[in-house]
Each structure stands twice: as C-alpha cells, then as structure tokens.
C-alpha atoms as a PDB file:
ATOM      1  CA  MET A   1      30.445 -71.104   5.096  1.00  0.00           C
ATOM      2  CA  SER A   2      28.216 -68.754   7.023  1.00  0.00           C
ATOM      3  CA  THR A   3      27.588 -65.059   6.465  1.00  0.00           C
ATOM      4  CA  THR A   4      26.516 -62.435   8.961  1.00  0.00           C
ATOM      5  CA  THR A   5      24.166 -59.631   7.871  1.00  0.00           C
ATOM      6  CA  VAL A   6      24.157 -56.435   9.903  1.00  0.00           C
ATOM      7  CA  ALA A   7      20.483 -55.477   9.829  1.00  0.00           C
ATOM      8  CA  ASN A   8      20.877 -52.267  11.787  1.00  0.00           C
ATOM      9  CA  PRO A   9      24.416 -50.854  11.880  1.00  0.00           C
ATOM     10  CA  SER A  10      25.253 -49.396  15.256  1.00  0.00           C
ATOM     11  CA  TYR A  11      26.441 -46.061  13.782  1.00  0.00           C
ATOM     12  CA  ARG A  12      22.840 -45.240  12.848  1.00  0.00           C
ATOM     13  CA  GLU A  13      21.980 -45.058  16.508  1.00  0.00           C
ATOM     14  CA  ARG A  14      24.690 -42.549  17.258  1.00  0.00           C
ATOM     15  CA  VAL A  15      23.576 -38.988  18.036  1.00  0.00           C
ATOM     16  CA  GLY A  16      26.161 -37.524  15.671  1.00  0.00           C
ATOM     17  CA  TYR A  17      24.883 -39.551  12.738  1.00  0.00           C
ATOM     18  CA  GLN A  18      21.271 -38.605  13.397  1.00  0.00           C
ATOM     19  CA  ALA A  19      22.207 -34.944  13.757  1.00  0.00           C
ATOM     20  CA  ALA A  20      24.159 -35.045  10.502  1.00  0.00           C
ATOM     21  CA  LEU A  21      21.245 -36.717   8.739  1.00  0.00           C
ATOM     22  CA  LEU A  22      18.789 -34.104   9.972  1.00  0.00           C
ATOM     23  CA  GLY A  23      21.233 -31.387   9.048  1.00  0.00           C
ATOM     24  CA  GLY A  24      21.542 -32.803   5.556  1.00  0.00           C
ATOM     25  CA  PHE A  25      17.768 -32.823   5.083  1.00  0.00           C
ATOM     26  CA  ALA A  26      17.553 -29.261   6.402  1.00  0.00           C
ATOM     27  CA  LEU A  27      20.294 -28.137   4.035  1.00  0.00           C
ATOM     28  CA  VAL A  28      18.557 -29.693   1.032  1.00  0.00           C
ATOM     29  CA  ALA A  29      15.230 -28.133   2.050  1.00  0.00           C
ATOM     30  CA  ALA A  30      16.857 -24.713   2.486  1.00  0.00           C
ATOM     31  CA  ALA A  31      18.532 -25.012  -0.915  1.00  0.00           C
ATOM     32  CA  LEU A  32      15.219 -25.870  -2.549  1.00  0.00           C
ATOM     33  CA  LEU A  33      13.576 -22.856  -0.876  1.00  0.00           C
ATOM     34  CA  VAL A  34      16.333 -20.550  -2.094  1.00  0.00           C
ATOM     35  CA  ILE A  35      16.079 -21.927  -5.620  1.00  0.00           C
ATOM     36  CA  GLY A  36      12.306 -21.535  -5.546  1.00  0.00           C
ATOM     37  CA  ASP A  37      12.602 -17.974  -4.291  1.00  0.00           C
ATOM     38  CA  LEU A  38      15.089 -17.018  -6.984  1.00  0.00           C
ATOM     39  CA  ALA A  39      12.955 -18.645  -9.651  1.00  0.00           C
ATOM     40  CA  THR A  40       9.768 -16.795  -8.666  1.00  0.00           C
ATOM     41  CA  ARG A  41      11.116 -13.493  -7.306  1.00  0.00           C
ATOM     42  CA  ASP A  42      11.047 -11.616 -10.601  1.00  0.00           C
ATOM     43  CA  ALA A  43       7.542 -12.863 -11.432  1.00  0.00           C
ATOM     44  CA  ILE A  44       6.249 -11.871  -7.999  1.00  0.00           C
ATOM     45  CA  GLU A  45       7.793  -8.407  -8.210  1.00  0.00           C
ATOM     46  CA  GLN A  46       6.352  -7.959 -11.691  1.00  0.00           C
ATOM     47  CA  ARG A  47       2.891  -8.895 -10.432  1.00  0.00           C
ATOM     48  CA  ARG A  48       3.193  -6.493  -7.498  1.00  0.00           C
ATOM     49  CA  ALA A  49       4.206  -3.699  -9.856  1.00  0.00           C
ATOM     50  CA  GLU A  50       1.243  -4.459 -12.122  1.00  0.00           C
ATOM     51  CA  ASP A  51      -1.178  -4.468  -9.182  1.00  0.00           C
ATOM     52  CA  LEU A  52       0.225  -1.187  -7.858  1.00  0.00           C
ATOM     53  CA  LEU A  53       0.027   0.449 -11.278  1.00  0.00           C
ATOM     54  CA  ALA A  54      -3.587  -0.709 -11.637  1.00  0.00           C
ATOM     55  CA  SER A  55      -4.407   0.898  -8.273  1.00  0.00           C
ATOM     56  CA  LEU A  56      -2.566   4.097  -9.164  1.00  0.00           C
ATOM     57  CA  SER A  57      -4.536   4.358 -12.403  1.00  0.00           C
ATOM     58  CA  GLN A  58      -7.718   4.525 -10.331  1.00  0.00           C
ATOM     59  CA  VAL A  59      -6.574   7.521  -8.298  1.00  0.00           C
ATOM     60  CA  ILE A  60      -4.600   9.403 -10.960  1.00  0.00           C
ATOM     61  CA  PRO A  61      -6.325   9.826 -14.353  1.00  0.00           C
ATOM     62  CA  ALA A  62      -4.252   8.797 -17.357  1.00  0.00           C
ATOM     63  CA  ASP A  63      -4.808  12.142 -19.084  1.00  0.00           C
ATOM     64  CA  LEU A  64      -3.185  13.960 -16.166  1.00  0.00           C
ATOM     65  CA  HIS A  65       0.349  12.724 -16.812  1.00  0.00           C
ATOM     66  CA  ASP A  66       2.770  11.604 -19.507  1.00  0.00           C
ATOM     67  CA  ASN A  67       5.246   9.725 -17.328  1.00  0.00           C
ATOM     68  CA  ASP A  68       5.716   6.325 -15.747  1.00  0.00           C
ATOM     69  CA  LEU A  69       4.220   6.669 -12.275  1.00  0.00           C
ATOM     70  CA  LEU A  70       6.288   3.842 -10.831  1.00  0.00           C
ATOM     71  CA  ALA A  71       9.542   5.192 -12.225  1.00  0.00           C
ATOM     72  CA  ASP A  72       9.001   8.740 -10.995  1.00  0.00           C
ATOM     73  CA  SER A  73       8.508   8.108  -7.303  1.00  0.00           C
ATOM     74  CA  MET A  74      10.141   9.965  -4.454  1.00  0.00           C
ATOM     75  CA  THR A  75      10.667   9.301  -0.753  1.00  0.00           C
ATOM     76  CA  LEU A  76       9.282  11.792   1.734  1.00  0.00           C
ATOM     77  CA  ASP A  77      10.373  11.918   5.357  1.00  0.00           C
ATOM     78  CA  THR A  78       7.346  12.182   7.643  1.00  0.00           C
ATOM     79  CA  ALA A  79       6.709  11.928  11.358  1.00  0.00           C
ATOM     80  CA  ASP A  80       5.697   8.284  10.813  1.00  0.00           C
ATOM     81  CA  GLY A  81       8.768   7.412   8.748  1.00  0.00           C
ATOM     82  CA  GLU A  82       9.583   7.350   5.059  1.00  0.00           C
ATOM     83  CA  LEU A  83       6.675   7.616   2.631  1.00  0.00           C
ATOM     84  CA  THR A  84       6.818   6.645  -1.039  1.00  0.00           C
ATOM     85  CA  VAL A  85       5.092   9.229  -3.220  1.00  0.00           C
ATOM     86  CA  TYR A  86       4.225   8.580  -6.874  1.00  0.00           C
ATOM     87  CA  ARG A  87       4.263  11.723  -9.011  1.00  0.00           C
ATOM     88  CA  ALA A  88       2.101  12.435 -12.035  1.00  0.00           C
ATOM     89  CA  LEU A  89       4.186  14.611 -14.341  1.00  0.00           C
ATOM     90  CA  THR A  90       3.389  16.643 -17.410  1.00  0.00           C
ATOM     91  CA  GLY A  91       6.832  17.388 -18.714  1.00  0.00           C
ATOM     92  CA  LEU A  92       8.634  18.472 -15.546  1.00  0.00           C
ATOM     93  CA  ASP A  93       5.536  19.877 -13.853  1.00  0.00           C
ATOM     94  CA  VAL A  94       3.904  17.884 -11.078  1.00  0.00           C
ATOM     95  CA  ALA A  95       0.213  17.587 -11.901  1.00  0.00           C
ATOM     96  CA  GLY A  96      -0.603  15.329  -8.982  1.00  0.00           C
ATOM     97  CA  VAL A  97       0.721  12.821  -6.487  1.00  0.00           C
ATOM     98  CA  ALA A  98      -0.398   9.550  -4.963  1.00  0.00           C
ATOM     99  CA  PHE A  99       0.632   7.898  -1.730  1.00  0.00           C
ATOM    100  CA  GLU A 100      -0.620   5.429   0.811  1.00  0.00           C
ATOM    101  CA  THR A 101      -2.100   6.503   4.107  1.00  0.00           C
ATOM    102  CA  VAL A 102      -3.274   4.237   6.916  1.00  0.00           C
ATOM    103  CA  GLY A 103      -6.104   4.602   9.425  1.00  0.00           C
ATOM    104  CA  GLN A 104      -7.436   2.442  12.229  1.00  0.00           C
ATOM    105  CA  GLY A 105     -10.811   0.883  11.513  1.00  0.00           C
ATOM    106  CA  TYR A 106     -13.135  -1.240  13.636  1.00  0.00           C
ATOM    107  CA  ALA A 107     -11.217  -4.483  13.084  1.00  0.00           C
ATOM    108  CA  GLY A 108      -7.736  -3.278  12.181  1.00  0.00           C
ATOM    109  CA  PRO A 109      -5.701  -1.035   9.874  1.00  0.00           C
ATOM    110  CA  ILE A 110      -7.268   0.364   6.701  1.00  0.00           C
ATOM    111  CA  ARG A 111      -4.770   1.112   3.920  1.00  0.00           C
ATOM    112  CA  VAL A 112      -5.921   3.834   1.541  1.00  0.00           C
ATOM    113  CA  LEU A 113      -4.241   4.907  -1.693  1.00  0.00           C
ATOM    114  CA  LEU A 114      -4.901   8.617  -2.167  1.00  0.00           C
ATOM    115  CA  GLY A 115      -4.450  10.666  -5.326  1.00  0.00           C
ATOM    116  CA  ILE A 116      -4.260  14.474  -5.007  1.00  0.00           C
ATOM    117  CA  ASP A 117      -3.837  17.103  -7.713  1.00  0.00           C
ATOM    118  CA  ALA A 118      -1.378  19.988  -7.490  1.00  0.00           C
ATOM    119  CA  ASP A 119      -4.083  22.264  -6.045  1.00  0.00           C
ATOM    120  CA  GLY A 120      -4.826  19.898  -3.158  1.00  0.00           C
ATOM    121  CA  ARG A 121      -8.019  18.320  -4.464  1.00  0.00           C
ATOM    122  CA  VAL A 122      -8.695  14.605  -4.197  1.00  0.00           C
ATOM    123  CA  LEU A 123      -8.358  12.890  -7.563  1.00  0.00           C
ATOM    124  CA  GLY A 124      -9.389   9.558  -6.147  1.00  0.00           C
ATOM    125  CA  ALA A 125      -9.196   7.306  -3.108  1.00  0.00           C
ATOM    126  CA  ARG A 126      -9.140   3.508  -3.037  1.00  0.00           C
ATOM    127  CA  VAL A 127      -8.950   1.115  -0.122  1.00  0.00           C
ATOM    128  CA  LEU A 128      -6.050  -1.275  -0.695  1.00  0.00           C
ATOM    129  CA  SER A 129      -6.685  -3.579   2.252  1.00  0.00           C
ATOM    130  CA  HIS A 130      -8.749  -3.865   5.427  1.00  0.00           C
ATOM    131  CA  THR A 131     -10.212  -6.394   7.855  1.00  0.00           C
ATOM    132  CA  GLU A 132     -13.597  -4.780   8.412  1.00  0.00           C
ATOM    133  CA  THR A 133     -16.819  -6.769   8.862  1.00  0.00           C
ATOM    134  CA  PRO A 134     -18.098  -8.295   5.601  1.00  0.00           C
ATOM    135  CA  GLY A 135     -21.470  -6.894   4.592  1.00  0.00           C
ATOM    136  CA  LEU A 136     -21.014  -3.787   6.746  1.00  0.00           C
ATOM    137  CA  GLY A 137     -17.565  -2.241   6.797  1.00  0.00           C
ATOM    138  CA  ASP A 138     -16.542  -3.608   3.413  1.00  0.00           C
ATOM    139  CA  LYS A 139     -18.672  -0.962   1.704  1.00  0.00           C
ATOM    140  CA  ILE A 140     -15.519   1.127   1.685  1.00  0.00           C
ATOM    141  CA  GLU A 141     -14.417  -1.034  -1.261  1.00  0.00           C
ATOM    142  CA  VAL A 142     -15.283   0.492  -4.623  1.00  0.00           C
ATOM    143  CA  ALA A 143     -16.259  -2.952  -5.903  1.00  0.00           C
ATOM    144  CA  ARG A 144     -19.028  -3.171  -3.284  1.00  0.00           C
ATOM    145  CA  ASP A 145     -20.265   0.408  -3.032  1.00  0.00           C
ATOM    146  CA  ASP A 146     -19.612   3.804  -4.618  1.00  0.00           C
ATOM    147  CA  TRP A 147     -19.248   5.506  -1.225  1.00  0.00           C
ATOM    148  CA  ILE A 148     -15.474   5.952  -1.659  1.00  0.00           C
ATOM    149  CA  LEU A 149     -16.151   8.062  -4.754  1.00  0.00           C
ATOM    150  CA  SER A 150     -17.662  10.772  -2.536  1.00  0.00           C
ATOM    151  CA  PHE A 151     -14.129  12.030  -1.861  1.00  0.00           C
ATOM    152  CA  ASP A 152     -13.477  12.903  -5.509  1.00  0.00           C
ATOM    153  CA  GLY A 153     -12.925  16.649  -5.930  1.00  0.00           C
ATOM    154  CA  LYS A 154     -12.877  17.327  -2.207  1.00  0.00           C
ATOM    155  CA  SER A 155     -10.170  19.405  -0.494  1.00  0.00           C
ATOM    156  CA  LEU A 156      -9.428  20.825   2.945  1.00  0.00           C
ATOM    157  CA  GLY A 157     -11.470  23.879   1.961  1.00  0.00           C
ATOM    158  CA  GLU A 158     -14.373  22.019   0.353  1.00  0.00           C
ATOM    159  CA  PRO A 159     -15.727  21.024   2.771  1.00  0.00           C
ATOM    160  CA  PRO A 160     -14.068  23.059   5.528  1.00  0.00           C
ATOM    161  CA  PRO A 161     -11.846  21.056   7.909  1.00  0.00           C
ATOM    162  CA  GLU A 162     -14.521  20.915  10.607  1.00  0.00           C
ATOM    163  CA  ARG A 163     -16.929  19.257   8.148  1.00  0.00           C
ATOM    164  CA  TRP A 164     -14.531  16.424   7.392  1.00  0.00           C
ATOM    165  CA  ALA A 165     -16.534  13.893   9.397  1.00  0.00           C
ATOM    166  CA  VAL A 166     -19.472  11.536   8.943  1.00  0.00           C
ATOM    167  CA  LYS A 167     -22.935  13.073   9.234  1.00  0.00           C
ATOM    168  CA  LYS A 168     -23.461  11.414  12.614  1.00  0.00           C
ATOM    169  CA  ASP A 169     -20.580  13.546  13.874  1.00  0.00           C
ATOM    170  CA  GLY A 170     -21.824  16.727  12.202  1.00  0.00           C
ATOM    171  CA  GLY A 171     -19.843  16.300   8.983  1.00  0.00           C
ATOM    172  CA  ASP A 172     -20.663  15.994   5.287  1.00  0.00           C
ATOM    173  CA  PHE A 173     -19.954  12.315   4.637  1.00  0.00           C
ATOM    174  CA  ASP A 174     -22.434   9.457   4.837  1.00  0.00           C
ATOM    175  CA  GLN A 175     -21.958   6.625   7.287  1.00  0.00           C
ATOM    176  CA  PHE A 176     -23.119   3.033   6.871  1.00  0.00           C
ATOM    177  CA  SER A 177     -26.102   1.601   8.660  1.00  0.00           C
ATOM    178  CA  GLY A 178     -24.724  -0.411  11.565  1.00  0.00           C
ATOM    179  CA  ALA A 179     -21.118   0.515  10.815  1.00  0.00           C
ATOM    180  CA  THR A 180     -20.081   4.055  11.672  1.00  0.00           C
ATOM    181  CA  ILE A 181     -16.541   3.403  12.867  1.00  0.00           C
ATOM    182  CA  THR A 182     -15.309   2.210   9.472  1.00  0.00           C
ATOM    183  CA  PRO A 183     -16.380   5.213   7.341  1.00  0.00           C
ATOM    184  CA  ARG A 184     -15.334   7.537  10.159  1.00  0.00           C
ATOM    185  CA  ALA A 185     -11.840   6.022   9.977  1.00  0.00           C
ATOM    186  CA  VAL A 186     -11.628   6.422   6.200  1.00  0.00           C
ATOM    187  CA  VAL A 187     -12.810  10.052   6.330  1.00  0.00           C
ATOM    188  CA  SER A 188     -10.180  10.803   8.953  1.00  0.00           C
ATOM    189  CA  THR A 189      -7.520   8.985   6.935  1.00  0.00           C
ATOM    190  CA  VAL A 190      -8.257  10.870   3.718  1.00  0.00           C
ATOM    191  CA  LYS A 191      -8.305  14.159   5.609  1.00  0.00           C
ATOM    192  CA  GLY A 192      -4.949  13.265   7.150  1.00  0.00           C
ATOM    193  CA  GLY A 193      -3.554  12.640   3.684  1.00  0.00           C
ATOM    194  CA  LEU A 194      -4.735  16.044   2.518  1.00  0.00           C
ATOM    195  CA  GLU A 195      -3.165  17.668   5.577  1.00  0.00           C
ATOM    196  CA  LEU A 196       0.127  15.920   4.852  1.00  0.00           C
ATOM    197  CA  PHE A 197       0.001  17.191   1.269  1.00  0.00           C
ATOM    198  CA  ALA A 198      -0.714  20.722   2.460  1.00  0.00           C
ATOM    199  CA  ASP A 199       2.232  20.600   4.870  1.00  0.00           C
ATOM    200  CA  GLN A 200       4.590  19.242   2.197  1.00  0.00           C
ATOM    201  CA  ARG A 201       3.120  20.963  -0.872  1.00  0.00           C
ATOM    202  CA  ASP A 202       6.305  22.801  -1.874  1.00  0.00           C
ATOM    203  CA  ALA A 203       8.457  19.670  -1.726  1.00  0.00           C
ATOM    204  CA  LEU A 204       5.881  17.523  -3.509  1.00  0.00           C
ATOM    205  CA  THR A 205       5.011  19.894  -6.333  1.00  0.00           C
ATOM    206  CA  ALA A 206       8.471  21.324  -6.990  1.00  0.00           C
ATOM    207  CA  SER A 207      10.546  18.185  -6.559  1.00  0.00           C
ATOM    208  CA  ALA A 208      10.708  17.181 -10.251  1.00  0.00           C
ATOM    209  CA  VAL A 209      12.135  20.540 -11.367  1.00  0.00           C
ATOM    210  CA  GLN A 210      14.509  20.681  -8.396  1.00  0.00           C
ATOM    211  CA  GLN A 211      15.914  17.230  -9.076  1.00  0.00           C
ATOM    212  CA  VAL A 212      16.618  18.019 -12.697  1.00  0.00           C
ATOM    213  CA  SER A 213      18.172  21.407 -11.970  1.00  0.00           C
ATOM    214  CA  THR A 214      20.356  20.169  -9.114  1.00  0.00           C
ATOM    215  CA  GLY A 215      21.266  16.842 -10.720  1.00  0.00           C
ATOM    216  CA  GLU A 216      19.854  14.773  -7.849  1.00  0.00           C
END
C-alpha cells in the first residue's frame, strides 16, 4: 500500500489564503498594541502629571497657594487657540497663575512654563523643551545656567516694555556668547506671556470666585 504526502498544499498559494494569513497576523498585532496601551495608559498619565506638577512647583512657590494646581486649571480662549492655565489659589483668591507659552528659537520651538503672580510679576520661568545648540543655546535650561532666573520678579513695568530685550538689542537681559537668537527668543516669549496676562487679567484673577458664585 502506498501513501501520498502533500508537502505543499495548493491552497497556501492562493491569494485569498495569504491575505487572510496576513490579516490574521495584523489583527493579533493590533490587539497586542491595544492591550499594551490599556495596560500602560494610566501609568503614563500619572507620570506626565507628576512631571507637570514638578515643573509647576518651580514657577509657583508652594507657600503661595493651598490648592491642587492640576485640579484647579481653567481653559482660556486666545488668538492662538485654547490655553490651559493653572491657578494658585489661597481660599478662593487667585494668588498667581501658570501657563505654557511658545517662542521660536534658532533651531525650533522653545516651550516655556511661566508663573505670574496676581500683580503681573514673574514668579518663575522654566524651559520645558527646545532643540537649541548644545553648549550654546541650552544655557536657557536652569540645570545648565542660572540665566533663566533673571526673569524672577520682572513685570511689564520693571523693566519698561521697550527694555524687554537682550543687551545687544538695547534691552536689560544678557545674551550668550555666540548665541544671541536663543535668549532673544526666550525674552520675547516671556514678555508675550506677561502681555497675555495683562490682557486677560480680569478673567484670570477673578475666575475662581466667579465659578463658585455662578455654579460653573
């Protein structure tokens, strides 16, 4: 008696079979990605919240508020779109706010987190991200240089608006040797944040009381 072994079934060469096989692999891969995303989403969000809170603590002193900065945020409509503003509250009074503002540096966008008190003075400024030249433009990072601290206590009146520039441009702020564009961009960005605060001061400083009184 003889037996015949089919070494390579013909159905495996059919386009429909191959498509179904590839589709099956793709479906399994997609399912694994979804499962992985669901499993890590909460941890990732928690880490992002922790990182944001750590940054906020550098631009809003702890003794200035008694609330959860992340919980007491508001959305402000601006010319560039919606802006998330974190409010430092003492009771229902707004003692300060923090928000992100973005400027254009030498190599790309520079994201700055800016803290401002209720009187319009800078509580602190920290660069969140940038792509400036290492060894030159990265001096805007507080970990590499204390230059960013020169904004503390400043306002649109101190110095006057026309002095909000690097010294090379006739302003009050130092530039870096070999890298003027980067500090110029940060100075302009911080000034822009102060101007936004001045334009929206009533909404930003009265919002906590208004929301409670109107039930929003």
